[in-house]
Amino acid sequence: MMRTIKTEKQLQDRKKQLQKRQKELESLIHANWIEIKHNLKPKNVAGEFFSQAFTSKNEEGSSLLAESLSMFAAALTKTAVEKAEEHMSEWLRQKK
């Protein structure tokens, strides 16, 4: 609620309060602006991206990095098994 100002002294006090509050808010805006500029630097954007890629979780609860490594390992295993099958088939044909 806003109080009714009845005297000039009350008006001057209120004016000082508002000026103090204005300086506080301007200081906060300045600090936020500096933080925004810092966060938008390319190296910081890239750092945040990689940080989230390594720590963020998907629906199953595993990180993006873990999921990617798992898929890579599965592809390598599949390739290795296919090559082993080819070599075994060739070896068995030679034995006949």
Protein backbone atom coordinates (compact mmCIF):
# COMPACT_ATOMS: atom_id res chain seq x y z
CA MET A 1 0.00 0.00 0.00
CA MET A 2 1.14 3.47 -0.76
CA ARG A 3 1.23 5.87 2.15
CA THR A 4 -0.11 9.35 1.77
CA ILE A 5 2.62 11.97 1.78
CA LYS A 6 1.57 14.93 3.89
CA THR A 7 4.73 17.00 4.36
CA GLU A 8 7.61 18.14 2.25
CA LYS A 9 10.04 16.19 4.47
CA GLN A 10 8.10 12.97 3.78
CA LEU A 11 8.27 13.77 0.08
CA GLN A 12 12.05 14.31 0.25
CA ASP A 13 12.49 11.05 2.23
CA ARG A 14 10.41 9.14 -0.30
CA LYS A 15 12.40 10.68 -3.14
CA LYS A 16 15.68 9.53 -1.49
CA GLN A 17 14.27 6.02 -1.03
CA LEU A 18 13.26 5.85 -4.68
CA GLN A 19 16.64 7.15 -5.85
CA LYS A 20 18.40 4.55 -3.69
CA ARG A 21 16.16 1.81 -5.11
CA GLN A 22 16.84 3.09 -8.64
CA LYS A 23 20.62 2.83 -8.10
CA GLU A 24 20.23 -0.72 -6.73
CA LEU A 25 18.18 -1.76 -9.76
CA GLU A 26 20.60 -0.12 -12.19
CA SER A 27 23.44 -1.98 -10.50
CA LEU A 28 21.54 -5.28 -10.86
CA ILE A 29 20.82 -4.56 -14.52
CA HIS A 30 24.51 -3.81 -15.11
CA ALA A 31 25.58 -7.04 -13.39
CA ASN A 32 23.02 -9.04 -15.40
CA TRP A 33 24.18 -7.43 -18.62
CA ILE A 34 27.80 -8.38 -17.90
CA GLU A 35 26.72 -11.96 -17.12
CA ILE A 36 24.70 -12.17 -20.35
CA LYS A 37 27.63 -10.90 -22.41
CA HIS A 38 29.93 -13.43 -20.71
CA ASN A 39 27.50 -16.30 -21.32
CA LEU A 40 27.10 -15.44 -25.01
CA LYS A 41 30.83 -15.61 -25.82
CA PRO A 42 31.37 -18.48 -28.27
CA LYS A 43 33.77 -20.38 -26.01
CA ASN A 44 31.28 -20.21 -23.13
CA VAL A 45 28.38 -21.31 -25.35
CA ALA A 46 30.43 -24.26 -26.59
CA GLY A 47 31.51 -25.12 -23.06
CA GLU A 48 27.91 -25.11 -21.86
CA PHE A 49 26.86 -27.29 -24.80
CA PHE A 50 29.52 -29.91 -24.07
CA SER A 51 28.87 -29.73 -20.36
CA GLN A 52 25.19 -30.49 -20.91
CA ALA A 53 26.00 -33.17 -23.48
CA PHE A 54 28.08 -35.01 -20.90
CA THR A 55 25.73 -34.55 -17.96
CA SER A 56 22.16 -34.22 -19.26
CA LYS A 57 19.94 -37.26 -19.02
CA ASN A 58 17.45 -38.65 -21.50
CA GLU A 59 14.16 -40.42 -20.62
CA GLU A 60 15.94 -43.65 -19.67
CA GLY A 61 18.31 -41.79 -17.33
CA SER A 62 21.55 -42.20 -19.28
CA SER A 63 23.63 -39.29 -20.49
CA LEU A 64 23.96 -38.34 -24.13
CA LEU A 65 27.66 -39.23 -24.02
CA ALA A 66 26.95 -42.65 -22.50
CA GLU A 67 24.27 -43.30 -25.11
CA SER A 68 26.61 -42.27 -27.95
CA LEU A 69 29.45 -44.42 -26.63
CA SER A 70 27.07 -47.34 -26.23
CA MET A 71 25.88 -47.01 -29.83
CA PHE A 72 29.50 -46.74 -31.04
CA ALA A 73 30.51 -49.84 -29.08
CA ALA A 74 27.50 -51.74 -30.47
CA ALA A 75 28.45 -50.80 -34.03
CA LEU A 76 32.07 -51.87 -33.46
CA THR A 77 30.94 -55.15 -31.93
CA LYS A 78 28.58 -55.83 -34.82
CA THR A 79 31.37 -55.17 -37.33
CA ALA A 80 33.78 -57.39 -35.40
CA VAL A 81 31.24 -60.24 -35.20
CA GLU A 82 30.49 -60.01 -38.93
CA LYS A 83 34.22 -60.12 -39.75
CA ALA A 84 34.70 -63.09 -37.40
CA GLU A 85 31.81 -64.91 -39.08
CA GLU A 86 33.34 -64.28 -42.50
CA HIS A 87 36.74 -65.57 -41.36
CA MET A 88 35.19 -68.64 -39.68
CA SER A 89 33.14 -69.42 -42.78
CA GLU A 90 36.21 -69.10 -44.97
CA TRP A 91 38.29 -71.21 -42.59
CA LEU A 92 35.60 -73.93 -42.46
CA ARG A 93 35.38 -73.99 -46.28
CA GLN A 94 39.13 -74.47 -46.51
CA LYS A 95 39.00 -77.39 -44.04
CA LYS A 96 36.49 -79.35 -46.16
